[in-house]
Amino acid sequence: MSNAGTEEERRVYLASLAEMRANDLISADDETALARHYEDQKASLEAAFLQFLPEYQRRLREDGEASANAWLAETARELGRREGEAAGKVVGGLTATREATPG
């Protein structure tokens, strides 16, 4: 993905947060937490990609495409699981979520 595409996605995401805040769907703290999570997740995924690339290339060279792709798929699933857990913690901590949860 081009950097321009990434910047446009970021702009749209932040604008949607601002709109939710303007409509009192989320608090200012929630808006900040979600924006921070977006930036943190983006940085985490970029770092993971840079970390995985040399290992994928090594596996591709030494073990072949099918094996390298299987490793990459499993690695991506695990990364997705971890990122999903982190997102769940962020969402669970939002004011709107806490207020909507019976308890």
Foldseek 3Di string as FASTA:
>chain_A
DDPVVVVVVLVVVLVVLVVCCVVVLFDPVLSVLVNVLVVVVVVVVVVVCVVLVVVLVVCCVPPNDVVSVVVVVVVVVVVVVVSVVVVVVSVCPTPNNVVPDDD
